[in-house]
Amino acid sequence: MRLQFRKSATTGTSAYTLAEILVCVLIINIGAAGLMGCFKYAFFVTGLFRENQRATQVMLERAEAIRLCSWDQVRSNGFILPTYTDYFDPTATNNTKGVVYSGTVAITSFPYDTSDKDN
């Protein structure tokens, strides 16, 4: 058995051109930018969900405080404050508390008051 080797330098050798390399780098950069955009959007949406959850928690705290009061306490002036302010992270320092949640509480009489009518 006899093996033959070619000694020609031009046959069998190939390389990528500069244009092909630049196109590949461009495609990889576009893909990486798209991936980073997806991460940015995911962090943004997660932040919105957390802020919405905290706002719901603040409103629930206020509603539970009113629910636990007796009717005489609710009707007395100054027992339930008409405005409130809370923060996203109330345990943080003054500069990093985050979003400010403020609201108002209005206690009015029931529009269909039937207490004066005889049954």
C-alpha atoms as a PDB file:
ATOM      1  CA  MET A   1       0.000   0.000   0.000  1.00  0.00           C
ATOM      2  CA  ARG A   2       1.325   3.297  -0.982  1.00  0.00           C
ATOM      3  CA  LEU A   3       0.220   6.741   0.358  1.00  0.00           C
ATOM      4  CA  GLN A   4       0.676   9.871  -1.648  1.00  0.00           C
ATOM      5  CA  PHE A   5       0.878  13.349  -0.125  1.00  0.00           C
ATOM      6  CA  ARG A   6       0.459  16.508  -2.092  1.00  0.00           C
ATOM      7  CA  LYS A   7       2.994  19.175  -1.478  1.00  0.00           C
ATOM      8  CA  SER A   8       1.070  22.056  -2.999  1.00  0.00           C
ATOM      9  CA  ALA A   9       0.472  24.971  -0.616  1.00  0.00           C
ATOM     10  CA  THR A  10      -2.516  26.388  -2.460  1.00  0.00           C
ATOM     11  CA  THR A  11      -4.737  23.363  -2.351  1.00  0.00           C
ATOM     12  CA  GLY A  12      -6.690  22.557   0.804  1.00  0.00           C
ATOM     13  CA  THR A  13      -6.076  25.863   2.594  1.00  0.00           C
ATOM     14  CA  SER A  14      -8.832  28.382   3.178  1.00  0.00           C
ATOM     15  CA  ALA A  15      -9.509  31.294   5.485  1.00  0.00           C
ATOM     16  CA  TYR A  16     -12.284  33.765   6.241  1.00  0.00           C
ATOM     17  CA  THR A  17     -12.120  37.151   4.661  1.00  0.00           C
ATOM     18  CA  LEU A  18     -12.312  40.375   6.625  1.00  0.00           C
ATOM     19  CA  ALA A  19     -15.809  41.073   5.278  1.00  0.00           C
ATOM     20  CA  GLU A  20     -17.114  37.708   6.511  1.00  0.00           C
ATOM     21  CA  ILE A  21     -15.654  38.299   9.951  1.00  0.00           C
ATOM     22  CA  LEU A  22     -17.215  41.777  10.161  1.00  0.00           C
ATOM     23  CA  VAL A  23     -20.637  40.405   9.189  1.00  0.00           C
ATOM     24  CA  CYS A  24     -20.363  37.697  11.864  1.00  0.00           C
ATOM     25  CA  VAL A  25     -19.367  40.241  14.507  1.00  0.00           C
ATOM     26  CA  LEU A  26     -22.293  42.465  13.458  1.00  0.00           C
ATOM     27  CA  ILE A  27     -24.773  39.581  13.769  1.00  0.00           C
ATOM     28  CA  ILE A  28     -23.410  38.620  17.198  1.00  0.00           C
ATOM     29  CA  ASN A  29     -23.637  42.255  18.381  1.00  0.00           C
ATOM     30  CA  ILE A  30     -27.247  42.576  17.201  1.00  0.00           C
ATOM     31  CA  GLY A  31     -28.137  39.366  19.046  1.00  0.00           C
ATOM     32  CA  ALA A  32     -26.378  40.522  22.215  1.00  0.00           C
ATOM     33  CA  ALA A  33     -28.102  43.913  22.075  1.00  0.00           C
ATOM     34  CA  GLY A  34     -31.462  42.176  21.702  1.00  0.00           C
ATOM     35  CA  LEU A  35     -30.714  39.952  24.676  1.00  0.00           C
ATOM     36  CA  MET A  36     -29.709  42.942  26.821  1.00  0.00           C
ATOM     37  CA  GLY A  37     -32.926  44.701  25.766  1.00  0.00           C
ATOM     38  CA  CYS A  38     -34.916  41.678  26.930  1.00  0.00           C
ATOM     39  CA  PHE A  39     -33.149  41.751  30.302  1.00  0.00           C
ATOM     40  CA  LYS A  40     -33.790  45.489  30.674  1.00  0.00           C
ATOM     41  CA  TYR A  41     -37.489  45.049  29.899  1.00  0.00           C
ATOM     42  CA  ALA A  42     -37.788  42.116  32.311  1.00  0.00           C
ATOM     43  CA  PHE A  43     -36.238  44.138  35.152  1.00  0.00           C
ATOM     44  CA  PHE A  44     -38.522  47.094  34.334  1.00  0.00           C
ATOM     45  CA  VAL A  45     -41.672  44.942  34.415  1.00  0.00           C
ATOM     46  CA  THR A  46     -40.542  43.245  37.626  1.00  0.00           C
ATOM     47  CA  GLY A  47     -40.096  46.673  39.238  1.00  0.00           C
ATOM     48  CA  LEU A  48     -43.586  47.719  38.138  1.00  0.00           C
ATOM     49  CA  PHE A  49     -45.090  44.546  39.594  1.00  0.00           C
ATOM     50  CA  ARG A  50     -43.290  45.118  42.903  1.00  0.00           C
ATOM     51  CA  GLU A  51     -44.484  48.733  43.105  1.00  0.00           C
ATOM     52  CA  ASN A  52     -48.052  47.658  42.318  1.00  0.00           C
ATOM     53  CA  GLN A  53     -47.910  44.948  44.991  1.00  0.00           C
ATOM     54  CA  ARG A  54     -46.633  47.440  47.571  1.00  0.00           C
ATOM     55  CA  ALA A  55     -49.404  49.919  46.656  1.00  0.00           C
ATOM     56  CA  THR A  56     -51.967  47.159  47.179  1.00  0.00           C
ATOM     57  CA  GLN A  57     -50.380  46.342  50.534  1.00  0.00           C
ATOM     58  CA  VAL A  58     -50.549  49.992  51.666  1.00  0.00           C
ATOM     59  CA  MET A  59     -54.236  50.269  50.724  1.00  0.00           C
ATOM     60  CA  LEU A  60     -54.999  46.961  52.449  1.00  0.00           C
ATOM     61  CA  GLU A  61     -53.300  48.177  55.646  1.00  0.00           C
ATOM     62  CA  ARG A  62     -55.509  51.286  55.669  1.00  0.00           C
ATOM     63  CA  ALA A  63     -58.667  49.282  54.975  1.00  0.00           C
ATOM     64  CA  GLU A  64     -57.853  46.795  57.736  1.00  0.00           C
ATOM     65  CA  ALA A  65     -57.222  49.632  60.198  1.00  0.00           C
ATOM     66  CA  ILE A  66     -60.679  51.025  59.465  1.00  0.00           C
ATOM     67  CA  ARG A  67     -62.277  47.574  59.604  1.00  0.00           C
ATOM     68  CA  LEU A  68     -60.878  46.914  63.083  1.00  0.00           C
ATOM     69  CA  CYS A  69     -62.292  50.149  64.499  1.00  0.00           C
ATOM     70  CA  SER A  70     -65.684  50.419  66.118  1.00  0.00           C
ATOM     71  CA  TRP A  71     -68.324  52.657  64.524  1.00  0.00           C
ATOM     72  CA  ASP A  72     -67.920  55.256  67.267  1.00  0.00           C
ATOM     73  CA  GLN A  73     -64.178  55.394  66.625  1.00  0.00           C
ATOM     74  CA  VAL A  74     -64.732  55.770  62.887  1.00  0.00           C
ATOM     75  CA  ARG A  75     -67.199  58.628  63.365  1.00  0.00           C
ATOM     76  CA  SER A  76     -65.084  60.510  65.918  1.00  0.00           C
ATOM     77  CA  ASN A  77     -63.053  63.358  64.494  1.00  0.00           C
ATOM     78  CA  GLY A  78     -59.314  62.810  64.273  1.00  0.00           C
ATOM     79  CA  PHE A  79     -59.285  59.072  64.980  1.00  0.00           C
ATOM     80  CA  ILE A  80     -58.774  58.132  61.327  1.00  0.00           C
ATOM     81  CA  LEU A  81     -56.509  60.582  59.565  1.00  0.00           C
ATOM     82  CA  PRO A  82     -57.894  61.936  56.266  1.00  0.00           C
ATOM     83  CA  THR A  83     -54.543  61.672  54.424  1.00  0.00           C
ATOM     84  CA  TYR A  84     -51.654  59.271  54.633  1.00  0.00           C
ATOM     85  CA  THR A  85     -48.185  58.869  53.135  1.00  0.00           C
ATOM     86  CA  ASP A  86     -46.187  55.672  52.934  1.00  0.00           C
ATOM     87  CA  TYR A  87     -43.042  54.585  51.110  1.00  0.00           C
ATOM     88  CA  PHE A  88     -41.974  51.622  49.009  1.00  0.00           C
ATOM     89  CA  ASP A  89     -39.355  50.687  51.610  1.00  0.00           C
ATOM     90  CA  PRO A  90     -40.243  52.361  54.923  1.00  0.00           C
ATOM     91  CA  THR A  91     -37.280  50.818  56.768  1.00  0.00           C
ATOM     92  CA  ALA A  92     -34.659  52.407  54.477  1.00  0.00           C
ATOM     93  CA  THR A  93     -32.821  55.660  55.097  1.00  0.00           C
ATOM     94  CA  ASN A  94     -34.392  58.962  54.038  1.00  0.00           C
ATOM     95  CA  ASN A  95     -32.719  59.128  50.631  1.00  0.00           C
ATOM     96  CA  THR A  96     -33.485  55.575  49.502  1.00  0.00           C
ATOM     97  CA  LYS A  97     -37.092  54.952  50.540  1.00  0.00           C
ATOM     98  CA  GLY A  98     -38.267  54.709  46.932  1.00  0.00           C
ATOM     99  CA  VAL A  99     -41.715  55.450  45.569  1.00  0.00           C
ATOM    100  CA  VAL A 100     -44.010  57.600  47.719  1.00  0.00           C
ATOM    101  CA  TYR A 101     -47.590  56.379  48.138  1.00  0.00           C
ATOM    102  CA  SER A 102     -50.080  58.957  49.355  1.00  0.00           C
ATOM    103  CA  GLY A 103     -53.818  58.755  49.641  1.00  0.00           C
ATOM    104  CA  THR A 104     -56.928  60.213  51.185  1.00  0.00           C
ATOM    105  CA  VAL A 105     -59.642  58.656  53.294  1.00  0.00           C
ATOM    106  CA  ALA A 106     -63.138  60.145  53.174  1.00  0.00           C
ATOM    107  CA  ILE A 107     -65.782  58.926  55.575  1.00  0.00           C
ATOM    108  CA  THR A 108     -69.264  60.010  54.514  1.00  0.00           C
ATOM    109  CA  SER A 109     -72.751  58.963  55.452  1.00  0.00           C
ATOM    110  CA  PHE A 110     -74.459  56.180  53.568  1.00  0.00           C
ATOM    111  CA  PRO A 111     -76.610  57.748  50.823  1.00  0.00           C
ATOM    112  CA  TYR A 112     -79.587  55.497  51.544  1.00  0.00           C
ATOM    113  CA  ASP A 113     -79.987  56.079  55.254  1.00  0.00           C
ATOM    114  CA  THR A 114     -83.021  54.106  56.436  1.00  0.00           C
ATOM    115  CA  SER A 115     -82.474  54.538  60.156  1.00  0.00           C
ATOM    116  CA  ASP A 116     -85.304  57.145  60.503  1.00  0.00           C
ATOM    117  CA  LYS A 117     -87.961  55.036  58.787  1.00  0.00           C
ATOM    118  CA  ASP A 118     -90.234  52.643  60.639  1.00  0.00           C
ATOM    119  CA  ASN A 119     -90.376  49.078  59.377  1.00  0.00           C
END
